[in-house]
Amino acid sequence: MSSVLVISDAEFETEVLKASQPVLVYFWAPWCGPCRLMTPVMDHLATAYADRLKVVKMEVDPNPEAVKEYKVEGVPALRLFQNGTVIESSEGALPKPKVEAMVAPYL
């Protein structure tokens, strides 16, 4: 059971920008091969850090507002938010240790 929350543009402000804890936004697409490699990593982070980190997943095609606003140019893409601001970002598939290293300073 994954605790990754699937959201849309309509929920972005409430779930990400107004969140009380850091939020890792995972931008993906069903046609993206490398995204399949990231899904287990996101599931792991959502479970392992459930008390300190919110992990949300956004499909890029039906959610153009967040994609444009946060300059997502390729998928998979990660944006780490704290207090409504992007504090870290990456594009492309990353191994689990690199993603953990990216979020660790903010937990």
PDB file of N, CA and C in Angstrom:
ATOM      1  N   MET A   1       0.844  -1.199   0.000  1.00  0.00           N
ATOM      2  CA  MET A   1       0.000   0.000   0.000  1.00  0.00           C
ATOM      3  C   MET A   1       0.879   1.249   0.000  1.00  0.00           C
ATOM      4  N   SER A   2       0.753   2.018  -1.019  1.00  0.00           N
ATOM      5  CA  SER A   2       1.557   3.229  -1.138  1.00  0.00           C
ATOM      6  C   SER A   2       0.872   4.385  -0.419  1.00  0.00           C
ATOM      7  N   SER A   3       1.664   5.225   0.216  1.00  0.00           N
ATOM      8  CA  SER A   3       1.091   6.421   0.831  1.00  0.00           C
ATOM      9  C   SER A   3       1.414   7.653  -0.014  1.00  0.00           C
ATOM     10  N   VAL A   4       1.754   7.417  -1.295  1.00  0.00           N
ATOM     11  CA  VAL A   4       1.962   8.527  -2.226  1.00  0.00           C
ATOM     12  C   VAL A   4       0.575   9.044  -2.606  1.00  0.00           C
ATOM     13  N   LEU A   5       0.385  10.337  -2.445  1.00  0.00           N
ATOM     14  CA  LEU A   5      -0.902  10.967  -2.736  1.00  0.00           C
ATOM     15  C   LEU A   5      -0.913  11.456  -4.176  1.00  0.00           C
ATOM     16  N   VAL A   6      -1.907  11.033  -4.949  1.00  0.00           N
ATOM     17  CA  VAL A   6      -2.043  11.481  -6.330  1.00  0.00           C
ATOM     18  C   VAL A   6      -2.887  12.754  -6.324  1.00  0.00           C
ATOM     19  N   ILE A   7      -2.330  13.839  -6.890  1.00  0.00           N
ATOM     20  CA  ILE A   7      -3.045  15.112  -6.887  1.00  0.00           C
ATOM     21  C   ILE A   7      -3.127  15.697  -8.298  1.00  0.00           C
ATOM     22  N   SER A   8      -3.945  16.734  -8.419  1.00  0.00           N
ATOM     23  CA  SER A   8      -4.105  17.449  -9.687  1.00  0.00           C
ATOM     24  C   SER A   8      -3.799  18.929  -9.453  1.00  0.00           C
ATOM     25  N   ASP A   9      -3.822  19.703 -10.542  1.00  0.00           N
ATOM     26  CA  ASP A   9      -3.611  21.154 -10.417  1.00  0.00           C
ATOM     27  C   ASP A   9      -4.557  21.768  -9.386  1.00  0.00           C
ATOM     28  N   ALA A  10      -5.804  21.303  -9.367  1.00  0.00           N
ATOM     29  CA  ALA A  10      -6.813  21.878  -8.467  1.00  0.00           C
ATOM     30  C   ALA A  10      -6.456  21.686  -6.994  1.00  0.00           C
ATOM     31  N   GLU A  11      -5.703  20.640  -6.674  1.00  0.00           N
ATOM     32  CA  GLU A  11      -5.357  20.343  -5.282  1.00  0.00           C
ATOM     33  C   GLU A  11      -3.962  20.830  -4.898  1.00  0.00           C
ATOM     34  N   PHE A  12      -3.216  21.343  -5.860  1.00  0.00           N
ATOM     35  CA  PHE A  12      -1.812  21.680  -5.636  1.00  0.00           C
ATOM     36  C   PHE A  12      -1.613  22.670  -4.490  1.00  0.00           C
ATOM     37  N   GLU A  13      -2.374  23.735  -4.496  1.00  0.00           N
ATOM     38  CA  GLU A  13      -2.189  24.756  -3.461  1.00  0.00           C
ATOM     39  C   GLU A  13      -2.417  24.176  -2.070  1.00  0.00           C
ATOM     40  N   THR A  14      -3.512  23.458  -1.891  1.00  0.00           N
ATOM     41  CA  THR A  14      -3.843  22.898  -0.585  1.00  0.00           C
ATOM     42  C   THR A  14      -2.854  21.829  -0.145  1.00  0.00           C
ATOM     43  N   GLU A  15      -2.547  20.887  -1.036  1.00  0.00           N
ATOM     44  CA  GLU A  15      -1.722  19.733  -0.664  1.00  0.00           C
ATOM     45  C   GLU A  15      -0.220  20.035  -0.624  1.00  0.00           C
ATOM     46  N   VAL A  16       0.232  20.992  -1.422  1.00  0.00           N
ATOM     47  CA  VAL A  16       1.672  21.261  -1.514  1.00  0.00           C
ATOM     48  C   VAL A  16       2.044  22.609  -0.905  1.00  0.00           C
ATOM     49  N   LEU A  17       1.483  23.680  -1.435  1.00  0.00           N
ATOM     50  CA  LEU A  17       1.906  25.018  -1.014  1.00  0.00           C
ATOM     51  C   LEU A  17       1.526  25.345   0.419  1.00  0.00           C
ATOM     52  N   LYS A  18       0.414  24.797   0.904  1.00  0.00           N
ATOM     53  CA  LYS A  18      -0.032  25.096   2.271  1.00  0.00           C
ATOM     54  C   LYS A  18       0.307  23.982   3.255  1.00  0.00           C
ATOM     55  N   ALA A  19       1.104  23.013   2.843  1.00  0.00           N
ATOM     56  CA  ALA A  19       1.458  21.885   3.716  1.00  0.00           C
ATOM     57  C   ALA A  19       2.346  22.356   4.860  1.00  0.00           C
ATOM     58  N   SER A  20       2.204  21.711   6.012  1.00  0.00           N
ATOM     59  CA  SER A  20       2.986  22.096   7.186  1.00  0.00           C
ATOM     60  C   SER A  20       4.348  21.408   7.220  1.00  0.00           C
ATOM     61  N   GLN A  21       4.556  20.417   6.362  1.00  0.00           N
ATOM     62  CA  GLN A  21       5.824  19.697   6.332  1.00  0.00           C
ATOM     63  C   GLN A  21       6.390  19.767   4.905  1.00  0.00           C
ATOM     64  N   PRO A  22       7.649  19.394   4.704  1.00  0.00           N
ATOM     65  CA  PRO A  22       8.187  19.371   3.342  1.00  0.00           C
ATOM     66  C   PRO A  22       7.364  18.435   2.451  1.00  0.00           C
ATOM     67  N   VAL A  23       7.249  18.803   1.175  1.00  0.00           N
ATOM     68  CA  VAL A  23       6.480  18.007   0.217  1.00  0.00           C
ATOM     69  C   VAL A  23       7.354  17.729  -1.001  1.00  0.00           C
ATOM     70  N   LEU A  24       7.483  16.446  -1.329  1.00  0.00           N
ATOM     71  CA  LEU A  24       8.199  16.044  -2.531  1.00  0.00           C
ATOM     72  C   LEU A  24       7.164  15.775  -3.611  1.00  0.00           C
ATOM     73  N   VAL A  25       7.211  16.570  -4.686  1.00  0.00           N
ATOM     74  CA  VAL A  25       6.277  16.403  -5.795  1.00  0.00           C
ATOM     75  C   VAL A  25       6.994  15.640  -6.897  1.00  0.00           C
ATOM     76  N   TYR A  26       6.377  14.532  -7.285  1.00  0.00           N
ATOM     77  CA  TYR A  26       6.920  13.659  -8.314  1.00  0.00           C
ATOM     78  C   TYR A  26       6.068  13.835  -9.568  1.00  0.00           C
ATOM     79  N   PHE A  27       6.632  14.451 -10.589  1.00  0.00           N
ATOM     80  CA  PHE A  27       5.946  14.641 -11.868  1.00  0.00           C
ATOM     81  C   PHE A  27       6.278  13.450 -12.762  1.00  0.00           C
ATOM     82  N   TRP A  28       5.257  12.857 -13.351  1.00  0.00           N
ATOM     83  CA  TRP A  28       5.452  11.639 -14.134  1.00  0.00           C
ATOM     84  C   TRP A  28       4.476  11.598 -15.317  1.00  0.00           C
ATOM     85  N   ALA A  29       4.632  10.573 -16.150  1.00  0.00           N
ATOM     86  CA  ALA A  29       3.715  10.336 -17.267  1.00  0.00           C
ATOM     87  C   ALA A  29       3.637   8.830 -17.522  1.00  0.00           C
ATOM     88  N   PRO A  30       2.464   8.339 -17.930  1.00  0.00           N
ATOM     89  CA  PRO A  30       2.324   6.899 -18.165  1.00  0.00           C
ATOM     90  C   PRO A  30       3.180   6.401 -19.335  1.00  0.00           C
ATOM     91  N   TRP A  31       3.538   7.273 -20.258  1.00  0.00           N
ATOM     92  CA  TRP A  31       4.339   6.890 -21.419  1.00  0.00           C
ATOM     93  C   TRP A  31       5.843   6.968 -21.150  1.00  0.00           C
ATOM     94  N   CYS A  32       6.225   7.342 -19.938  1.00  0.00           N
ATOM     95  CA  CYS A  32       7.629   7.579 -19.576  1.00  0.00           C
ATOM     96  C   CYS A  32       8.254   6.323 -18.961  1.00  0.00           C
ATOM     97  N   GLY A  33       9.205   5.734 -19.692  1.00  0.00           N
ATOM     98  CA  GLY A  33       9.889   4.539 -19.187  1.00  0.00           C
ATOM     99  C   GLY A  33      10.640   4.768 -17.882  1.00  0.00           C
ATOM    100  N   PRO A  34      11.497   5.802 -17.792  1.00  0.00           N
ATOM    101  CA  PRO A  34      12.231   6.034 -16.545  1.00  0.00           C
ATOM    102  C   PRO A  34      11.324   6.299 -15.341  1.00  0.00           C
ATOM    103  N   CYS A  35      10.100   6.775 -15.593  1.00  0.00           N
ATOM    104  CA  CYS A  35       9.167   7.002 -14.479  1.00  0.00           C
ATOM    105  C   CYS A  35       8.864   5.696 -13.754  1.00  0.00           C
ATOM    106  N   ARG A  36       8.835   4.600 -14.496  1.00  0.00           N
ATOM    107  CA  ARG A  36       8.557   3.301 -13.871  1.00  0.00           C
ATOM    108  C   ARG A  36       9.642   2.948 -12.849  1.00  0.00           C
ATOM    109  N   LEU A  37      10.863   3.434 -13.090  1.00  0.00           N
ATOM    110  CA  LEU A  37      11.958   3.184 -12.147  1.00  0.00           C
ATOM    111  C   LEU A  37      11.792   4.016 -10.879  1.00  0.00           C
ATOM    112  N   MET A  38      11.151   5.157 -10.997  1.00  0.00           N
ATOM    113  CA  MET A  38      11.007   6.072  -9.856  1.00  0.00           C
ATOM    114  C   MET A  38       9.855   5.706  -8.933  1.00  0.00           C
ATOM    115  N   THR A  39       8.843   5.020  -9.462  1.00  0.00           N
ATOM    116  CA  THR A  39       7.655   4.710  -8.650  1.00  0.00           C
ATOM    117  C   THR A  39       8.004   3.968  -7.360  1.00  0.00           C
ATOM    118  N   PRO A  40       8.824   2.890  -7.400  1.00  0.00           N
ATOM    119  CA  PRO A  40       9.155   2.229  -6.126  1.00  0.00           C
ATOM    120  C   PRO A  40       9.945   3.122  -5.177  1.00  0.00           C
ATOM    121  N   VAL A  41      10.756   4.024  -5.713  1.00  0.00           N
ATOM    122  CA  VAL A  41      11.521   4.959  -4.879  1.00  0.00           C
ATOM    123  C   VAL A  41      10.557   5.896  -4.145  1.00  0.00           C
ATOM    124  N   MET A  42       9.553   6.417  -4.870  1.00  0.00           N
ATOM    125  CA  MET A  42       8.572   7.317  -4.251  1.00  0.00           C
ATOM    126  C   MET A  42       7.752   6.575  -3.193  1.00  0.00           C
ATOM    127  N   ASP A  43       7.377   5.339  -3.501  1.00  0.00           N
ATOM    128  CA  ASP A  43       6.632   4.530  -2.525  1.00  0.00           C
ATOM    129  C   ASP A  43       7.457   4.324  -1.256  1.00  0.00           C
ATOM    130  N   HIS A  44       8.748   4.041  -1.424  1.00  0.00           N
ATOM    131  CA  HIS A  44       9.629   3.839  -0.277  1.00  0.00           C
ATOM    132  C   HIS A  44       9.714   5.110   0.573  1.00  0.00           C
ATOM    133  N   LEU A  45       9.950   6.258  -0.081  1.00  0.00           N
ATOM    134  CA  LEU A  45      10.070   7.520   0.662  1.00  0.00           C
ATOM    135  C   LEU A  45       8.782   7.857   1.404  1.00  0.00           C
ATOM    136  N   ALA A  46       7.650   7.652   0.734  1.00  0.00           N
ATOM    137  CA  ALA A  46       6.363   7.973   1.348  1.00  0.00           C
ATOM    138  C   ALA A  46       6.132   7.131   2.599  1.00  0.00           C
ATOM    139  N   THR A  47       6.596   5.886   2.571  1.00  0.00           N
ATOM    140  CA  THR A  47       6.422   4.996   3.716  1.00  0.00           C
ATOM    141  C   THR A  47       7.470   5.269   4.794  1.00  0.00           C
ATOM    142  N   ALA A  48       8.730   5.344   4.385  1.00  0.00           N
ATOM    143  CA  ALA A  48       9.835   5.486   5.333  1.00  0.00           C
ATOM    144  C   ALA A  48       9.809   6.813   6.085  1.00  0.00           C
ATOM    145  N   TYR A  49       9.365   7.889   5.404  1.00  0.00           N
ATOM    146  CA  TYR A  49       9.396   9.219   6.011  1.00  0.00           C
ATOM    147  C   TYR A  49       7.999   9.798   6.213  1.00  0.00           C
ATOM    148  N   ALA A  50       7.014   8.929   6.364  1.00  0.00           N
ATOM    149  CA  ALA A  50       5.609   9.366   6.427  1.00  0.00           C
ATOM    150  C   ALA A  50       5.357  10.438   7.482  1.00  0.00           C
ATOM    151  N   ASP A  51       6.101  10.393   8.581  1.00  0.00           N
ATOM    152  CA  ASP A  51       5.885  11.353   9.663  1.00  0.00           C
ATOM    153  C   ASP A  51       6.560  12.699   9.412  1.00  0.00           C
ATOM    154  N   ARG A  52       7.484  12.764   8.430  1.00  0.00           N
ATOM    155  CA  ARG A  52       8.264  13.991   8.224  1.00  0.00           C
ATOM    156  C   ARG A  52       8.181  14.562   6.816  1.00  0.00           C
ATOM    157  N   LEU A  53       7.660  13.787   5.867  1.00  0.00           N
ATOM    158  CA  LEU A  53       7.672  14.187   4.466  1.00  0.00           C
ATOM    159  C   LEU A  53       6.386  13.727   3.793  1.00  0.00           C
ATOM    160  N   LYS A  54       5.771  14.622   3.042  1.00  0.00           N
ATOM    161  CA  LYS A  54       4.613  14.256   2.234  1.00  0.00           C
ATOM    162  C   LYS A  54       5.114  14.034   0.815  1.00  0.00           C
ATOM    163  N   VAL A  55       4.710  12.923   0.203  1.00  0.00           N
ATOM    164  CA  VAL A  55       5.094  12.628  -1.171  1.00  0.00           C
ATOM    165  C   VAL A  55       3.838  12.641  -2.026  1.00  0.00           C
ATOM    166  N   VAL A  56       3.831  13.483  -3.053  1.00  0.00           N
ATOM    167  CA  VAL A  56       2.680  13.556  -3.954  1.00  0.00           C
ATOM    168  C   VAL A  56       3.140  13.307  -5.383  1.00  0.00           C
ATOM    169  N   LYS A  57       2.208  12.790  -6.180  1.00  0.00           N
ATOM    170  CA  LYS A  57       2.486  12.395  -7.551  1.00  0.00           C
ATOM    171  C   LYS A  57       1.536  13.146  -8.466  1.00  0.00           C
ATOM    172  N   MET A  58       2.083  13.748  -9.523  1.00  0.00           N
ATOM    173  CA  MET A  58       1.263  14.482 -10.490  1.00  0.00           C
ATOM    174  C   MET A  58       1.575  14.012 -11.894  1.00  0.00           C
ATOM    175  N   GLU A  59       0.546  13.585 -12.604  1.00  0.00           N
ATOM    176  CA  GLU A  59       0.725  13.236 -14.008  1.00  0.00           C
ATOM    177  C   GLU A  59       0.814  14.539 -14.795  1.00  0.00           C
ATOM    178  N   VAL A  60       1.825  14.669 -15.665  1.00  0.00           N
ATOM    179  CA  VAL A  60       2.083  15.952 -16.316  1.00  0.00           C
ATOM    180  C   VAL A  60       1.023  16.361 -17.340  1.00  0.00           C
ATOM    181  N   ASP A  61       0.562  15.445 -18.175  1.00  0.00           N
ATOM    182  CA  ASP A  61      -0.344  15.828 -19.270  1.00  0.00           C
ATOM    183  C   ASP A  61      -1.654  16.456 -18.808  1.00  0.00           C
ATOM    184  N   PRO A  62      -2.347  15.897 -17.809  1.00  0.00           N
ATOM    185  CA  PRO A  62      -3.599  16.543 -17.388  1.00  0.00           C
ATOM    186  C   PRO A  62      -3.428  17.712 -16.413  1.00  0.00           C
ATOM    187  N   ASN A  63      -2.197  18.043 -16.052  1.00  0.00           N
ATOM    188  CA  ASN A  63      -1.949  19.094 -15.051  1.00  0.00           C
ATOM    189  C   ASN A  63      -0.952  20.130 -15.559  1.00  0.00           C
ATOM    190  N   PRO A  64      -1.313  20.868 -16.616  1.00  0.00           N
ATOM    191  CA  PRO A  64      -0.359  21.799 -17.232  1.00  0.00           C
ATOM    192  C   PRO A  64       0.000  23.008 -16.367  1.00  0.00           C
ATOM    193  N   GLU A  65      -0.856  23.386 -15.430  1.00  0.00           N
ATOM    194  CA  GLU A  65      -0.572  24.587 -14.628  1.00  0.00           C
ATOM    195  C   GLU A  65       0.670  24.405 -13.763  1.00  0.00           C
ATOM    196  N   ALA A  66       0.714  23.325 -12.984  1.00  0.00           N
ATOM    197  CA  ALA A  66       1.880  23.083 -12.117  1.00  0.00           C
ATOM    198  C   ALA A  66       3.124  22.814 -12.958  1.00  0.00           C
ATOM    199  N   VAL A  67       2.959  22.102 -14.069  1.00  0.00           N
ATOM    200  CA  VAL A  67       4.089  21.804 -14.954  1.00  0.00           C
ATOM    201  C   VAL A  67       4.720  23.110 -15.451  1.00  0.00           C
ATOM    202  N   LYS A  68       3.883  24.049 -15.871  1.00  0.00           N
ATOM    203  CA  LYS A  68       4.384  25.329 -16.378  1.00  0.00           C
ATOM    204  C   LYS A  68       4.969  26.174 -15.247  1.00  0.00           C
ATOM    205  N   GLU A  69       4.237  26.265 -14.153  1.00  0.00           N
ATOM    206  CA  GLU A  69       4.654  27.107 -13.024  1.00  0.00           C
ATOM    207  C   GLU A  69       6.024  26.687 -12.469  1.00  0.00           C
ATOM    208  N   TYR A  70       6.265  25.367 -12.395  1.00  0.00           N
ATOM    209  CA  TYR A  70       7.501  24.872 -11.782  1.00  0.00           C
ATOM    210  C   TYR A  70       8.502  24.369 -12.821  1.00  0.00           C
ATOM    211  N   LYS A  71       8.300  24.801 -14.076  1.00  0.00           N
ATOM    212  CA  LYS A  71       9.255  24.582 -15.164  1.00  0.00           C
ATOM    213  C   LYS A  71       9.695  23.129 -15.304  1.00  0.00           C
ATOM    214  N   VAL A  72       8.717  22.242 -15.328  1.00  0.00           N
ATOM    215  CA  VAL A  72       9.002  20.825 -15.541  1.00  0.00           C
ATOM    216  C   VAL A  72       9.217  20.629 -17.033  1.00  0.00           C
ATOM    217  N   GLU A  73      10.439  20.335 -17.421  1.00  0.00           N
ATOM    218  CA  GLU A  73      10.770  20.200 -18.833  1.00  0.00           C
ATOM    219  C   GLU A  73      10.888  18.759 -19.274  1.00  0.00           C
ATOM    220  N   GLY A  74      11.049  17.842 -18.347  1.00  0.00           N
ATOM    221  CA  GLY A  74      11.135  16.422 -18.671  1.00  0.00           C
ATOM    222  C   GLY A  74      10.640  15.613 -17.496  1.00  0.00           C
ATOM    223  N   VAL A  75      10.281  14.379 -17.750  1.00  0.00           N
ATOM    224  CA  VAL A  75       9.846  13.494 -16.670  1.00  0.00           C
ATOM    225  C   VAL A  75      10.730  12.254 -16.667  1.00  0.00           C
ATOM    226  N   PRO A  76      10.935  11.659 -15.507  1.00  0.00           N
ATOM    227  CA  PRO A  76      10.425  12.084 -14.208  1.00  0.00           C
ATOM    228  C   PRO A  76      11.116  13.361 -13.722  1.00  0.00           C
ATOM    229  N   ALA A  77      10.379  14.121 -12.942  1.00  0.00           N
ATOM    230  CA  ALA A  77      10.921  15.339 -12.346  1.00  0.00           C
ATOM    231  C   ALA A  77      10.506  15.392 -10.883  1.00  0.00           C
ATOM    232  N   LEU A  78      11.383  15.916 -10.064  1.00  0.00           N
ATOM    233  CA  LEU A  78      11.098  16.066  -8.634  1.00  0.00           C
ATOM    234  C   LEU A  78      11.228  17.530  -8.254  1.00  0.00           C
ATOM    235  N   ARG A  79      10.303  17.990  -7.423  1.00  0.00           N
ATOM    236  CA  ARG A  79      10.372  19.327  -6.834  1.00  0.00           C
ATOM    237  C   ARG A  79      10.106  19.159  -5.344  1.00  0.00           C
ATOM    238  N   LEU A  80      11.016  19.616  -4.533  1.00  0.00           N
ATOM    239  CA  LEU A  80      10.847  19.558  -3.087  1.00  0.00           C
ATOM    240  C   LEU A  80      10.439  20.938  -2.606  1.00  0.00           C
ATOM    241  N   PHE A  81       9.301  21.000  -1.933  1.00  0.00           N
ATOM    242  CA  PHE A  81       8.751  22.260  -1.440  1.00  0.00           C
ATOM    243  C   PHE A  81       8.827  22.316   0.072  1.00  0.00           C
ATOM    244  N   GLN A  82       9.066  23.512   0.591  1.00  0.00           N
ATOM    245  CA  GLN A  82       8.949  23.762   2.019  1.00  0.00           C
ATOM    246  C   GLN A  82       8.380  25.168   2.155  1.00  0.00           C
ATOM    247  N   ASN A  83       7.334  25.291   2.941  1.00  0.00           N
ATOM    248  CA  ASN A  83       6.654  26.579   3.143  1.00  0.00           C
ATOM    249  C   ASN A  83       6.263  27.234   1.819  1.00  0.00           C
ATOM    250  N   GLY A  84       5.805  26.414   0.859  1.00  0.00           N
ATOM    251  CA  GLY A  84       5.301  26.931  -0.409  1.00  0.00           C
ATOM    252  C   GLY A  84       6.354  27.316  -1.426  1.00  0.00           C
ATOM    253  N   THR A  85       7.626  27.014  -1.142  1.00  0.00           N
ATOM    254  CA  THR A  85       8.723  27.392  -2.034  1.00  0.00           C
ATOM    255  C   THR A  85       9.507  26.152  -2.460  1.00  0.00           C
ATOM    256  N   VAL A  86       9.955  26.135  -3.713  1.00  0.00           N
ATOM    257  CA  VAL A  86      10.812  25.039  -4.180  1.00  0.00           C
ATOM    258  C   VAL A  86      12.188  25.219  -3.554  1.00  0.00           C
ATOM    259  N   ILE A  87      12.652  24.176  -2.847  1.00  0.00           N
ATOM    260  CA  ILE A  87      13.965  24.262  -2.211  1.00  0.00           C
ATOM    261  C   ILE A  87      14.976  23.318  -2.874  1.00  0.00           C
ATOM    262  N   GLU A  88      14.492  22.340  -3.612  1.00  0.00           N
ATOM    263  CA  GLU A  88      15.358  21.430  -4.371  1.00  0.00           C
ATOM    264  C   GLU A  88      14.585  21.002  -5.601  1.00  0.00           C
ATOM    265  N   SER A  89      15.311  20.669  -6.675  1.00  0.00           N
ATOM    266  CA  SER A  89      14.630  20.168  -7.854  1.00  0.00           C
ATOM    267  C   SER A  89      15.573  19.302  -8.667  1.00  0.00           C
ATOM    268  N   SER A  90      14.992  18.354  -9.406  1.00  0.00           N
ATOM    269  CA  SER A  90      15.802  17.521 -10.301  1.00  0.00           C
ATOM    270  C   SER A  90      14.923  17.019 -11.435  1.00  0.00           C
ATOM    271  N   GLU A  91      15.561  16.682 -12.524  1.00  0.00           N
ATOM    272  CA  GLU A  91      14.868  16.096 -13.672  1.00  0.00           C
ATOM    273  C   GLU A  91      15.619  14.815 -14.021  1.00  0.00           C
ATOM    274  N   GLY A  92      14.870  13.805 -14.425  1.00  0.00           N
ATOM    275  CA  GLY A  92      15.465  12.524 -14.785  1.00  0.00           C
ATOM    276  C   GLY A  92      15.396  11.548 -13.635  1.00  0.00           C
ATOM    277  N   ALA A  93      15.534  10.274 -13.959  1.00  0.00           N
ATOM    278  CA  ALA A  93      15.474   9.226 -12.945  1.00  0.00           C
ATOM    279  C   ALA A  93      16.703   9.293 -12.047  1.00  0.00           C
ATOM    280  N   LEU A  94      16.477   9.123 -10.756  1.00  0.00           N
ATOM    281  CA  LEU A  94      17.560   9.116  -9.774  1.00  0.00           C
ATOM    282  C   LEU A  94      17.471   7.845  -8.951  1.00  0.00           C
ATOM    283  N   PRO A  95      18.615   7.285  -8.540  1.00  0.00           N
ATOM    284  CA  PRO A  95      18.565   6.133  -7.641  1.00  0.00           C
ATOM    285  C   PRO A  95      18.096   6.568  -6.250  1.00  0.00           C
ATOM    286  N   LYS A  96      17.552   5.620  -5.523  1.00  0.00           N
ATOM    287  CA  LYS A  96      17.008   5.907  -4.187  1.00  0.00           C
ATOM    288  C   LYS A  96      17.983   6.662  -3.281  1.00  0.00           C
ATOM    289  N   PRO A  97      19.274   6.279  -3.207  1.00  0.00           N
ATOM    290  CA  PRO A  97      20.186   7.032  -2.321  1.00  0.00           C
ATOM    291  C   PRO A  97      20.287   8.513  -2.685  1.00  0.00           C
ATOM    292  N   LYS A  98      20.249   8.839  -3.971  1.00  0.00           N
ATOM    293  CA  LYS A  98      20.337  10.253  -4.381  1.00  0.00           C
ATOM    294  C   LYS A  98      19.086  11.024  -3.979  1.00  0.00           C
ATOM    295  N   VAL A  99      17.920  10.386  -4.103  1.00  0.00           N
ATOM    296  CA  VAL A  99      16.678  11.061  -3.706  1.00  0.00           C
ATOM    297  C   VAL A  99      16.657  11.233  -2.194  1.00  0.00           C
ATOM    298  N   GLU A 100      17.089  10.210  -1.465  1.00  0.00           N
ATOM    299  CA  GLU A 100      17.141  10.320  -0.008  1.00  0.00           C
ATOM    300  C   GLU A 100      18.109  11.433   0.409  1.00  0.00           C
ATOM    301  N   ALA A 101      19.238  11.553  -0.276  1.00  0.00           N
ATOM    302  CA  ALA A 101      20.212  12.603   0.050  1.00  0.00           C
ATOM    303  C   ALA A 101      19.618  13.991  -0.257  1.00  0.00           C
ATOM    304  N   MET A 102      18.779  14.066  -1.275  1.00  0.00           N
ATOM    305  CA  MET A 102      18.162  15.341  -1.649  1.00  0.00           C
ATOM    306  C   MET A 102      17.189  15.821  -0.570  1.00  0.00           C
ATOM    307  N   VAL A 103      16.412  14.902   0.005  1.00  0.00           N
ATOM    308  CA  VAL A 103      15.404  15.310   0.984  1.00  0.00           C
ATOM    309  C   VAL A 103      15.912  15.340   2.428  1.00  0.00           C
ATOM    310  N   ALA A 104      16.972  14.574   2.720  1.00  0.00           N
ATOM    311  CA  ALA A 104      17.441  14.418   4.103  1.00  0.00           C
ATOM    312  C   ALA A 104      17.697  15.721   4.851  1.00  0.00           C
ATOM    313  N   PRO A 105      18.325  16.739   4.229  1.00  0.00           N
ATOM    314  CA  PRO A 105      18.603  17.961   4.994  1.00  0.00           C
ATOM    315  C   PRO A 105      17.344  18.697   5.473  1.00  0.00           C
ATOM    316  N   TYR A 106      16.200  18.385   4.915  1.00  0.00           N
ATOM    317  CA  TYR A 106      14.979  19.130   5.229  1.00  0.00           C
ATOM    318  C   TYR A 106      14.022  18.358   6.132  1.00  0.00           C
ATOM    319  N   LEU A 107      14.420  17.154   6.534  1.00  0.00           N
ATOM    320  CA  LEU A 107      13.512  16.328   7.359  1.00  0.00           C
ATOM    321  C   LEU A 107      13.738  16.578   8.840  1.00  0.00           C
TER     322      LEU A 107
END
